[in-house]
Protein backbone atom coordinates (compact mmCIF):
# COMPACT_ATOMS: atom_id res chain seq x y z
CA UNK A 1 -62.28 -48.42 0.92
CA UNK A 2 -63.80 -45.17 2.04
CA UNK A 3 -62.27 -44.60 5.46
CA UNK A 4 -64.56 -41.65 6.12
CA UNK A 5 -67.50 -44.05 6.45
CA UNK A 6 -65.81 -46.47 8.84
CA UNK A 7 -67.49 -47.30 12.12
CA UNK A 8 -64.18 -47.37 13.99
CA UNK A 9 -64.12 -45.41 17.24
CA UNK A 10 -62.17 -42.16 17.34
CA UNK A 11 -60.80 -42.91 20.80
CA UNK A 12 -58.93 -45.94 22.02
CA UNK A 13 -61.17 -48.39 23.83
CA UNK A 14 -60.39 -51.56 25.75
CA UNK A 15 -60.82 -54.72 23.70
CA UNK A 16 -61.13 -58.32 24.81
CA UNK A 17 -58.04 -60.12 23.53
CA UNK A 18 -59.92 -63.40 23.30
CA UNK A 19 -62.44 -61.86 20.89
CA UNK A 20 -59.69 -60.39 18.72
CA UNK A 21 -57.78 -63.66 18.51
CA UNK A 22 -60.76 -65.93 17.82
CA UNK A 23 -60.32 -65.90 14.06
CA UNK A 24 -56.51 -66.05 13.93
CA UNK A 25 -55.92 -68.20 17.00
CA UNK A 26 -52.69 -66.54 18.09
CA UNK A 27 -52.22 -63.20 19.85
CA UNK A 28 -48.88 -62.47 18.19
CA UNK A 29 -50.13 -63.22 14.69
CA UNK A 30 -53.13 -61.00 15.34
CA UNK A 31 -50.88 -58.12 16.37
CA UNK A 32 -48.73 -58.57 13.26
CA UNK A 33 -51.79 -58.69 11.00
CA UNK A 34 -53.26 -55.56 12.60
CA UNK A 35 -49.92 -53.75 12.38
CA UNK A 36 -49.46 -54.54 8.70
CA UNK A 37 -53.02 -53.52 7.89
CA UNK A 38 -52.63 -50.28 9.86
CA UNK A 39 -49.49 -49.49 7.82
CA UNK A 40 -51.43 -50.13 4.59
CA UNK A 41 -54.26 -47.87 5.70
CA UNK A 42 -51.86 -45.13 6.82
CA UNK A 43 -50.02 -45.22 3.50
CA UNK A 44 -53.28 -45.13 1.54
CA UNK A 45 -54.56 -42.17 3.54
CA UNK A 46 -51.29 -40.30 3.09
CA UNK A 47 -51.26 -40.94 -0.64
CA UNK A 48 -54.89 -39.79 -0.95
CA UNK A 49 -54.24 -36.63 1.09
CA UNK A 50 -51.10 -35.80 -0.89
CA UNK A 51 -52.99 -36.20 -4.16
CA UNK A 52 -55.73 -33.84 -2.99
CA UNK A 53 -53.24 -31.25 -1.72
CA UNK A 54 -51.25 -31.38 -4.98
CA UNK A 55 -54.17 -29.67 -6.69
CA UNK A 56 -53.45 -26.57 -4.62
CA UNK A 57 -49.67 -26.49 -4.94
CA UNK A 58 -48.07 -23.62 -6.79
CA UNK A 59 -44.49 -24.13 -8.00
CA UNK A 60 -42.23 -21.52 -6.43
CA UNK A 61 -38.56 -20.68 -6.82
CA UNK A 62 -36.50 -20.56 -3.67
CA UNK A 63 -37.45 -21.16 -0.08
CA UNK A 64 -40.42 -18.93 0.43
CA UNK A 65 -43.33 -19.30 2.75
CA UNK A 66 -46.00 -21.63 1.44
CA UNK A 67 -49.40 -20.06 1.18
CA UNK A 68 -52.36 -22.14 2.25
CA UNK A 69 -55.93 -21.44 1.39
CA UNK A 70 -59.09 -22.40 3.23
CA UNK A 71 -59.77 -25.47 1.05
CA UNK A 72 -56.38 -26.94 1.95
CA UNK A 73 -57.02 -26.37 5.63
CA UNK A 74 -60.47 -27.98 5.46
CA UNK A 75 -59.11 -31.04 3.63
CA UNK A 76 -56.33 -31.42 6.20
CA UNK A 77 -58.78 -31.09 9.10
CA UNK A 78 -61.08 -33.72 7.62
CA UNK A 79 -58.19 -36.22 7.45
CA UNK A 80 -57.04 -35.33 10.96
CA UNK A 81 -60.51 -36.08 12.30
CA UNK A 82 -60.46 -39.65 10.94
CA UNK A 83 -59.78 -42.51 13.37
CA UNK A 84 -56.20 -43.71 13.62
CA UNK A 85 -55.21 -46.46 11.13
CA UNK A 86 -54.73 -48.97 13.96
CA UNK A 87 -58.31 -48.40 15.15
CA UNK A 88 -59.64 -48.82 11.61
CA UNK A 89 -57.67 -52.08 11.20
CA UNK A 90 -58.99 -53.40 14.52
CA UNK A 91 -62.56 -52.57 13.51
CA UNK A 92 -62.06 -54.37 10.19
CA UNK A 93 -60.86 -57.47 12.06
CA UNK A 94 -63.85 -57.38 14.41
CA UNK A 95 -66.29 -56.99 11.50
CA UNK A 96 -64.57 -59.87 9.60
CA UNK A 97 -63.67 -57.54 6.71
CA UNK A 98 -59.96 -58.19 7.01
CA UNK A 99 -58.47 -60.75 4.64
CA UNK A 100 -55.07 -62.17 5.52
CA UNK A 101 -52.93 -65.05 4.38
CA UNK A 102 -50.41 -67.03 6.38
CA UNK A 103 -47.73 -68.37 4.07
CA UNK A 104 -46.18 -70.86 6.50
CA UNK A 105 -49.55 -72.32 7.44
CA UNK A 106 -50.53 -72.65 3.76
CA UNK A 107 -47.21 -74.34 2.97
CA UNK A 108 -47.68 -76.77 5.87
CA UNK A 109 -51.12 -77.71 4.59
CA UNK A 110 -49.73 -78.39 1.11
CA UNK A 111 -46.97 -80.64 2.53
CA UNK A 112 -49.54 -82.81 4.37
CA UNK A 113 -51.50 -83.56 1.17
């Protein structure tokens, strides 16, 4: 997913808990789902940023000061300006773009059949 095109707010806003829990049905499960998705998004963003910055790395011997050029700084600033992963995950849940699976609930359904 292209996180640069997300419609998530850049600032934290107050959300109605009842709206967030409509789909899942449980506040605690919703928090767990959002937390796990935020971790996935954060890891994906970090991996993407590291891959882009690797193009600029110059192998050096010893502990010398790392030189940064303007392209590196611009790339870093663009990632810093993105919304936080938790806000992106919340926006995905609100827009019904988040897919999750509950293993215990699926197992309970199979036992009833």
